[in-house]
Amino acid sequence: MRLLLREEVEHLGRRGEVVNVNRGYARNFLLPKRLAVEVTSDNVRMIEKEKKIYEARLAKEKEEAEGLARSLSSLKLTFRRKVHGEGEELYGSVSLVDLSEAIEAKGFKIEKRKIHLIEPFKTLGEFEITIKLHPEVSVPIPVVVEKEEE
């Protein structure tokens, strides 16, 4: 079945593209969620109009994200945690919530889902997280986990 995408669908295509998909995928997922429409001349015109509005909004969001990225580039997060034994393993870990709260304490309001952390930090050391502010704008932030002095 040929459909015209209204939104970007991961592993399928971008907004405004014509794609061929199975009828079941179209009927059960894409059409009910309004991610795609059937290919007609009216729908093509409608999608082109929506695409222009979307691209203008995306350009504005990218500009705002670049400004925030410049501000965030000087940020460095430091955490002091208790360790057990002679090793460098932490009691607990430095998690996404800890990172989000530390960034917010520095005066930046960033959604947790924009912070990319593969797994919580469980040892002492220097790490790096990435904050993805926009599909084309991301900022690396250094994170240092130090031993808490008793």
N, C-alpha and C. Protein backbone atom coordinates (compact mmCIF):
# COMPACT_ATOMS: atom_id res chain seq x y z
N MET A 1 0.85 -1.18 0.00
CA MET A 1 0.00 0.00 0.00
C MET A 1 0.90 1.24 0.00
N ARG A 2 0.59 2.19 -0.87
CA ARG A 2 1.37 3.43 -0.97
C ARG A 2 0.74 4.48 -0.06
N LEU A 3 1.60 5.05 0.81
CA LEU A 3 1.15 6.08 1.73
C LEU A 3 2.10 7.27 1.69
N LEU A 4 1.58 8.41 2.08
CA LEU A 4 2.34 9.64 2.18
C LEU A 4 2.53 9.94 3.67
N LEU A 5 3.78 10.02 4.11
CA LEU A 5 4.05 10.21 5.54
C LEU A 5 3.79 11.65 5.98
N ARG A 6 3.07 11.79 7.10
CA ARG A 6 2.79 13.10 7.68
C ARG A 6 3.84 13.46 8.72
N GLU A 7 4.48 12.47 9.30
CA GLU A 7 5.51 12.65 10.32
C GLU A 7 6.68 11.74 9.98
N GLU A 8 7.82 12.00 10.58
CA GLU A 8 8.97 11.11 10.41
C GLU A 8 8.71 9.84 11.20
N VAL A 9 8.86 8.70 10.56
CA VAL A 9 8.67 7.40 11.20
C VAL A 9 9.99 6.67 11.13
N GLU A 10 10.51 6.31 12.31
CA GLU A 10 11.81 5.66 12.39
C GLU A 10 11.83 4.37 11.57
N HIS A 11 12.88 4.18 10.84
CA HIS A 11 13.13 3.00 9.98
C HIS A 11 12.15 2.92 8.81
N LEU A 12 11.42 4.00 8.53
CA LEU A 12 10.49 3.97 7.40
C LEU A 12 10.73 5.15 6.46
N GLY A 13 10.71 6.37 6.99
CA GLY A 13 10.91 7.52 6.11
C GLY A 13 10.66 8.82 6.83
N ARG A 14 10.85 9.90 6.06
CA ARG A 14 10.70 11.25 6.60
C ARG A 14 9.37 11.84 6.16
N ARG A 15 9.03 12.93 6.76
CA ARG A 15 7.80 13.67 6.44
C ARG A 15 7.77 14.01 4.95
N GLY A 16 6.63 13.75 4.30
CA GLY A 16 6.47 14.09 2.90
C GLY A 16 6.89 13.01 1.92
N GLU A 17 7.48 11.93 2.38
CA GLU A 17 7.90 10.85 1.48
C GLU A 17 6.75 9.89 1.21
N VAL A 18 6.77 9.32 0.01
CA VAL A 18 5.81 8.28 -0.35
C VAL A 18 6.49 6.93 -0.09
N VAL A 19 5.83 6.07 0.69
CA VAL A 19 6.41 4.79 1.05
C VAL A 19 5.43 3.66 0.74
N ASN A 20 5.99 2.49 0.50
CA ASN A 20 5.18 1.28 0.32
C ASN A 20 5.25 0.47 1.60
N VAL A 21 4.09 0.15 2.17
CA VAL A 21 4.04 -0.64 3.41
C VAL A 21 2.97 -1.70 3.28
N ASN A 22 3.05 -2.69 4.16
CA ASN A 22 2.01 -3.72 4.20
C ASN A 22 0.68 -3.11 4.62
N ARG A 23 -0.41 -3.67 4.12
CA ARG A 23 -1.74 -3.14 4.45
C ARG A 23 -2.00 -3.17 5.96
N GLY A 24 -1.58 -4.23 6.62
CA GLY A 24 -1.82 -4.35 8.06
C GLY A 24 -1.10 -3.26 8.84
N TYR A 25 0.14 -2.97 8.47
CA TYR A 25 0.92 -1.92 9.14
C TYR A 25 0.25 -0.57 8.93
N ALA A 26 -0.23 -0.35 7.71
CA ALA A 26 -0.91 0.92 7.41
C ALA A 26 -2.22 1.01 8.19
N ARG A 27 -3.02 -0.03 8.11
CA ARG A 27 -4.36 -0.01 8.71
C ARG A 27 -4.32 -0.01 10.24
N ASN A 28 -3.36 -0.72 10.83
CA ASN A 28 -3.33 -0.87 12.29
C ASN A 28 -2.43 0.13 13.01
N PHE A 29 -1.48 0.74 12.30
CA PHE A 29 -0.55 1.63 12.99
C PHE A 29 -0.50 3.03 12.37
N LEU A 30 -0.09 3.12 11.12
CA LEU A 30 0.17 4.43 10.52
C LEU A 30 -1.07 5.29 10.37
N LEU A 31 -2.15 4.73 9.84
CA LEU A 31 -3.36 5.51 9.62
C LEU A 31 -4.07 5.90 10.92
N PRO A 32 -4.27 4.99 11.89
CA PRO A 32 -4.94 5.39 13.12
C PRO A 32 -4.18 6.45 13.92
N LYS A 33 -2.84 6.41 13.87
CA LYS A 33 -2.05 7.38 14.61
C LYS A 33 -1.81 8.66 13.81
N ARG A 34 -2.41 8.73 12.62
CA ARG A 34 -2.31 9.89 11.73
C ARG A 34 -0.86 10.21 11.37
N LEU A 35 -0.05 9.16 11.24
CA LEU A 35 1.34 9.33 10.82
C LEU A 35 1.46 9.35 9.29
N ALA A 36 0.40 8.87 8.61
CA ALA A 36 0.43 8.81 7.15
C ALA A 36 -0.99 8.96 6.62
N VAL A 37 -1.07 9.32 5.34
CA VAL A 37 -2.35 9.41 4.64
C VAL A 37 -2.19 8.74 3.28
N GLU A 38 -3.32 8.43 2.66
CA GLU A 38 -3.26 7.84 1.32
C GLU A 38 -2.74 8.87 0.34
N VAL A 39 -2.13 8.39 -0.75
CA VAL A 39 -1.55 9.29 -1.74
C VAL A 39 -2.65 9.77 -2.68
N THR A 40 -3.02 11.05 -2.53
CA THR A 40 -3.96 11.71 -3.44
C THR A 40 -3.38 13.09 -3.72
N SER A 41 -3.88 13.74 -4.77
CA SER A 41 -3.35 15.08 -5.10
C SER A 41 -3.66 16.08 -3.98
N ASP A 42 -4.84 15.98 -3.36
CA ASP A 42 -5.18 16.88 -2.26
C ASP A 42 -4.26 16.65 -1.06
N ASN A 43 -4.01 15.38 -0.74
CA ASN A 43 -3.15 15.06 0.39
C ASN A 43 -1.71 15.50 0.14
N VAL A 44 -1.25 15.40 -1.10
CA VAL A 44 0.11 15.84 -1.43
C VAL A 44 0.24 17.34 -1.20
N ARG A 45 -0.76 18.12 -1.64
CA ARG A 45 -0.74 19.57 -1.42
C ARG A 45 -0.78 19.89 0.07
N MET A 46 -1.64 19.17 0.81
CA MET A 46 -1.76 19.39 2.25
C MET A 46 -0.43 19.11 2.95
N ILE A 47 0.22 18.01 2.60
CA ILE A 47 1.49 17.64 3.22
C ILE A 47 2.57 18.66 2.88
N GLU A 48 2.60 19.14 1.64
CA GLU A 48 3.59 20.16 1.27
C GLU A 48 3.42 21.42 2.10
N LYS A 49 2.17 21.83 2.31
CA LYS A 49 1.89 23.01 3.13
C LYS A 49 2.34 22.76 4.58
N GLU A 50 1.99 21.60 5.13
CA GLU A 50 2.40 21.25 6.49
C GLU A 50 3.93 21.18 6.60
N LYS A 51 4.56 20.67 5.55
CA LYS A 51 6.02 20.51 5.55
C LYS A 51 6.72 21.86 5.63
N LYS A 52 6.20 22.87 4.92
CA LYS A 52 6.80 24.21 4.96
C LYS A 52 6.67 24.80 6.37
N ILE A 53 5.52 24.65 6.98
CA ILE A 53 5.31 25.15 8.35
C ILE A 53 6.23 24.41 9.31
N TYR A 54 6.32 23.10 9.15
CA TYR A 54 7.17 22.27 10.00
C TYR A 54 8.64 22.68 9.87
N GLU A 55 9.11 22.89 8.65
CA GLU A 55 10.51 23.26 8.43
C GLU A 55 10.83 24.62 9.03
N ALA A 56 9.89 25.57 8.96
CA ALA A 56 10.10 26.88 9.57
C ALA A 56 10.20 26.74 11.09
N ARG A 57 9.32 25.92 11.67
CA ARG A 57 9.36 25.69 13.12
C ARG A 57 10.65 24.99 13.52
N LEU A 58 11.07 24.01 12.72
CA LEU A 58 12.30 23.27 13.01
C LEU A 58 13.52 24.19 12.94
N ALA A 59 13.55 25.11 11.99
CA ALA A 59 14.67 26.04 11.87
C ALA A 59 14.73 26.95 13.10
N LYS A 60 13.57 27.40 13.58
CA LYS A 60 13.53 28.25 14.78
C LYS A 60 14.00 27.46 16.00
N GLU A 61 13.52 26.21 16.13
CA GLU A 61 13.93 25.37 17.25
C GLU A 61 15.43 25.08 17.21
N LYS A 62 15.97 24.89 16.01
CA LYS A 62 17.41 24.62 15.88
C LYS A 62 18.22 25.83 16.33
N GLU A 63 17.77 27.02 15.94
CA GLU A 63 18.46 28.24 16.35
C GLU A 63 18.45 28.39 17.87
N GLU A 64 17.31 28.13 18.50
CA GLU A 64 17.22 28.20 19.96
C GLU A 64 18.11 27.15 20.61
N ALA A 65 18.13 25.93 20.02
CA ALA A 65 18.95 24.85 20.57
C ALA A 65 20.43 25.18 20.47
N GLU A 66 20.84 25.81 19.37
CA GLU A 66 22.25 26.19 19.22
C GLU A 66 22.65 27.23 20.27
N GLY A 67 21.76 28.16 20.59
CA GLY A 67 22.03 29.15 21.63
C GLY A 67 22.18 28.48 22.99
N LEU A 68 21.29 27.54 23.29
CA LEU A 68 21.37 26.80 24.55
C LEU A 68 22.63 25.94 24.59
N ALA A 69 23.00 25.36 23.44
CA ALA A 69 24.21 24.53 23.37
C ALA A 69 25.46 25.35 23.69
N ARG A 70 25.51 26.59 23.21
CA ARG A 70 26.66 27.45 23.52
C ARG A 70 26.74 27.70 25.03
N SER A 71 25.59 27.88 25.67
CA SER A 71 25.57 28.10 27.12
C SER A 71 25.98 26.84 27.87
N LEU A 72 25.51 25.68 27.40
CA LEU A 72 25.79 24.42 28.07
C LEU A 72 27.23 23.93 27.86
N SER A 73 27.89 24.42 26.83
CA SER A 73 29.22 23.91 26.51
C SER A 73 30.24 24.17 27.61
N SER A 74 30.01 25.19 28.43
CA SER A 74 30.96 25.49 29.51
C SER A 74 30.61 24.75 30.80
N LEU A 75 29.55 23.97 30.79
CA LEU A 75 29.09 23.26 31.99
C LEU A 75 29.95 22.04 32.28
N LYS A 76 30.26 21.82 33.56
CA LYS A 76 30.97 20.62 34.00
C LYS A 76 30.30 20.17 35.30
N LEU A 77 29.89 18.92 35.36
CA LEU A 77 29.19 18.41 36.54
C LEU A 77 30.14 17.60 37.41
N THR A 78 30.09 17.83 38.71
CA THR A 78 30.92 17.10 39.65
C THR A 78 30.03 16.51 40.73
N PHE A 79 30.22 15.23 41.00
CA PHE A 79 29.46 14.54 42.04
C PHE A 79 30.44 13.95 43.04
N ARG A 80 30.10 14.05 44.32
CA ARG A 80 30.89 13.43 45.38
C ARG A 80 30.04 12.32 45.97
N ARG A 81 30.58 11.11 45.95
CA ARG A 81 29.84 9.95 46.43
C ARG A 81 30.71 9.11 47.35
N LYS A 82 30.04 8.38 48.24
CA LYS A 82 30.75 7.45 49.13
C LYS A 82 31.13 6.21 48.33
N VAL A 83 32.32 5.68 48.66
CA VAL A 83 32.78 4.45 48.02
C VAL A 83 32.94 3.39 49.10
N HIS A 84 32.87 2.13 48.69
CA HIS A 84 33.06 1.07 49.67
C HIS A 84 34.35 0.32 49.38
N GLY A 85 35.03 -0.05 50.45
CA GLY A 85 36.27 -0.80 50.34
C GLY A 85 37.40 0.05 49.79
N GLU A 86 38.43 -0.62 49.33
CA GLU A 86 39.59 0.06 48.78
C GLU A 86 39.39 0.44 47.32
N GLY A 87 38.39 -0.16 46.68
CA GLY A 87 38.16 0.07 45.25
C GLY A 87 37.52 1.41 44.98
N GLU A 88 37.08 1.57 43.77
CA GLU A 88 36.45 2.81 43.36
C GLU A 88 34.97 2.64 43.11
N GLU A 89 34.36 1.57 43.63
CA GLU A 89 32.93 1.36 43.42
C GLU A 89 32.11 2.20 44.38
N LEU A 90 31.05 2.75 43.84
CA LEU A 90 30.19 3.63 44.63
C LEU A 90 29.12 2.85 45.36
N TYR A 91 28.68 3.41 46.48
CA TYR A 91 27.44 2.96 47.09
C TYR A 91 26.35 3.60 46.23
N GLY A 92 25.59 2.82 45.54
CA GLY A 92 24.60 3.39 44.63
C GLY A 92 25.25 3.76 43.32
N SER A 93 24.75 4.83 42.69
CA SER A 93 25.29 5.25 41.41
C SER A 93 24.91 6.71 41.15
N VAL A 94 25.43 7.25 40.07
CA VAL A 94 25.02 8.56 39.58
C VAL A 94 24.08 8.27 38.41
N SER A 95 22.81 8.57 38.61
CA SER A 95 21.79 8.19 37.63
C SER A 95 21.32 9.38 36.80
N LEU A 96 20.42 9.10 35.91
CA LEU A 96 19.84 10.12 35.06
C LEU A 96 19.14 11.20 35.88
N VAL A 97 18.47 10.79 36.94
CA VAL A 97 17.79 11.75 37.82
C VAL A 97 18.82 12.68 38.48
N ASP A 98 19.93 12.12 38.95
CA ASP A 98 20.99 12.94 39.56
C ASP A 98 21.54 13.95 38.56
N LEU A 99 21.77 13.49 37.34
CA LEU A 99 22.30 14.38 36.30
C LEU A 99 21.30 15.50 35.98
N SER A 100 20.05 15.14 35.84
CA SER A 100 19.01 16.11 35.53
C SER A 100 18.90 17.17 36.63
N GLU A 101 18.92 16.73 37.89
CA GLU A 101 18.84 17.66 39.02
C GLU A 101 20.07 18.57 39.08
N ALA A 102 21.25 18.03 38.78
CA ALA A 102 22.47 18.84 38.81
C ALA A 102 22.45 19.89 37.71
N ILE A 103 21.95 19.53 36.55
CA ILE A 103 21.86 20.49 35.44
C ILE A 103 20.85 21.58 35.78
N GLU A 104 19.74 21.17 36.38
CA GLU A 104 18.72 22.14 36.77
C GLU A 104 19.24 23.08 37.87
N ALA A 105 20.06 22.55 38.78
CA ALA A 105 20.65 23.37 39.84
C ALA A 105 21.60 24.43 39.26
N LYS A 106 22.18 24.14 38.10
CA LYS A 106 23.07 25.11 37.44
C LYS A 106 22.28 26.16 36.65
N GLY A 107 20.94 26.02 36.65
CA GLY A 107 20.11 27.03 36.01
C GLY A 107 19.60 26.68 34.63
N PHE A 108 19.73 25.43 34.21
CA PHE A 108 19.25 25.01 32.90
C PHE A 108 18.10 24.03 33.07
N LYS A 109 17.02 24.24 32.34
CA LYS A 109 15.87 23.34 32.40
C LYS A 109 15.94 22.43 31.17
N ILE A 110 16.39 21.19 31.38
CA ILE A 110 16.53 20.21 30.30
C ILE A 110 15.66 19.00 30.64
N GLU A 111 14.89 18.54 29.67
CA GLU A 111 14.08 17.34 29.88
C GLU A 111 14.99 16.12 30.03
N LYS A 112 14.61 15.20 30.92
CA LYS A 112 15.43 14.01 31.17
C LYS A 112 15.62 13.19 29.91
N ARG A 113 14.62 13.14 29.05
CA ARG A 113 14.72 12.29 27.86
C ARG A 113 15.75 12.81 26.86
N LYS A 114 16.18 14.05 27.01
CA LYS A 114 17.19 14.61 26.11
C LYS A 114 18.60 14.28 26.56
N ILE A 115 18.75 13.79 27.79
CA ILE A 115 20.06 13.42 28.32
C ILE A 115 20.32 11.96 27.96
N HIS A 116 21.39 11.72 27.23
CA HIS A 116 21.69 10.35 26.80
C HIS A 116 22.75 9.75 27.73
N LEU A 117 22.30 8.78 28.50
CA LEU A 117 23.15 8.07 29.45
C LEU A 117 22.93 6.58 29.20
N ILE A 118 23.98 5.88 28.82
CA ILE A 118 23.85 4.46 28.50
C ILE A 118 23.52 3.66 29.75
N GLU A 119 24.29 3.89 30.82
CA GLU A 119 24.01 3.26 32.10
C GLU A 119 24.54 4.16 33.21
N PRO A 120 23.95 4.08 34.39
CA PRO A 120 24.41 4.95 35.49
C PRO A 120 25.89 4.72 35.80
N PHE A 121 26.54 5.78 36.27
CA PHE A 121 27.95 5.69 36.64
C PHE A 121 28.06 5.03 38.01
N LYS A 122 28.83 3.95 38.11
CA LYS A 122 28.95 3.18 39.35
C LYS A 122 30.36 3.17 39.92
N THR A 123 31.27 3.91 39.26
CA THR A 123 32.65 3.97 39.73
C THR A 123 33.11 5.43 39.73
N LEU A 124 34.23 5.67 40.39
CA LEU A 124 34.84 7.00 40.36
C LEU A 124 35.47 7.21 39.00
N GLY A 125 35.59 8.47 38.61
CA GLY A 125 36.27 8.75 37.36
C GLY A 125 35.65 9.91 36.60
N GLU A 126 36.15 10.09 35.38
CA GLU A 126 35.64 11.13 34.50
C GLU A 126 34.86 10.48 33.37
N PHE A 127 33.68 11.02 33.11
CA PHE A 127 32.79 10.47 32.09
C PHE A 127 32.28 11.61 31.22
N GLU A 128 31.53 11.25 30.20
CA GLU A 128 30.92 12.25 29.35
C GLU A 128 29.52 11.81 29.00
N ILE A 129 28.57 12.74 29.12
CA ILE A 129 27.20 12.48 28.69
C ILE A 129 26.91 13.39 27.51
N THR A 130 25.88 13.07 26.76
CA THR A 130 25.48 13.90 25.64
C THR A 130 24.05 14.37 25.86
N ILE A 131 23.84 15.64 25.64
CA ILE A 131 22.49 16.19 25.71
C ILE A 131 22.08 16.52 24.28
N LYS A 132 21.03 15.85 23.82
CA LYS A 132 20.55 16.06 22.46
C LYS A 132 19.39 17.05 22.50
N LEU A 133 19.69 18.29 22.15
CA LEU A 133 18.71 19.37 22.23
C LEU A 133 17.80 19.44 21.01
N HIS A 134 18.28 18.90 19.89
CA HIS A 134 17.58 18.99 18.61
C HIS A 134 18.13 17.85 17.76
N PRO A 135 17.40 17.40 16.75
CA PRO A 135 17.95 16.31 15.92
C PRO A 135 19.33 16.59 15.35
N GLU A 136 19.68 17.87 15.17
CA GLU A 136 20.98 18.22 14.60
C GLU A 136 21.92 18.90 15.60
N VAL A 137 21.49 19.08 16.85
CA VAL A 137 22.30 19.79 17.84
C VAL A 137 22.42 18.95 19.11
N SER A 138 23.66 18.58 19.44
CA SER A 138 23.90 17.87 20.70
C SER A 138 25.15 18.46 21.35
N VAL A 139 25.20 18.33 22.68
CA VAL A 139 26.28 18.93 23.45
C VAL A 139 26.90 17.87 24.37
N PRO A 140 28.22 17.66 24.30
CA PRO A 140 28.86 16.76 25.26
C PRO A 140 29.12 17.51 26.57
N ILE A 141 28.82 16.87 27.69
CA ILE A 141 29.01 17.47 29.01
C ILE A 141 29.93 16.55 29.81
N PRO A 142 31.06 17.08 30.32
CA PRO A 142 31.92 16.25 31.17
C PRO A 142 31.31 16.07 32.56
N VAL A 143 31.46 14.85 33.08
CA VAL A 143 30.95 14.52 34.41
C VAL A 143 32.10 13.90 35.20
N VAL A 144 32.34 14.41 36.40
CA VAL A 144 33.40 13.88 37.26
C VAL A 144 32.74 13.31 38.51
N VAL A 145 33.07 12.07 38.84
CA VAL A 145 32.58 11.43 40.06
C VAL A 145 33.79 11.27 40.98
N GLU A 146 33.75 11.97 42.13
CA GLU A 146 34.86 11.96 43.08
C GLU A 146 34.46 11.26 44.36
N LYS A 147 35.48 10.88 45.10
CA LYS A 147 35.27 10.23 46.41
C LYS A 147 34.87 11.29 47.42
N GLU A 148 33.84 10.99 48.18
CA GLU A 148 33.40 11.90 49.22
C GLU A 148 34.32 11.78 50.41
N GLU A 149 34.84 12.91 50.87
CA GLU A 149 35.72 12.90 52.02
C GLU A 149 34.89 12.77 53.29
N GLU A 150 35.32 11.90 54.17
CA GLU A 150 34.56 11.64 55.40
C GLU A 150 35.04 12.45 56.55
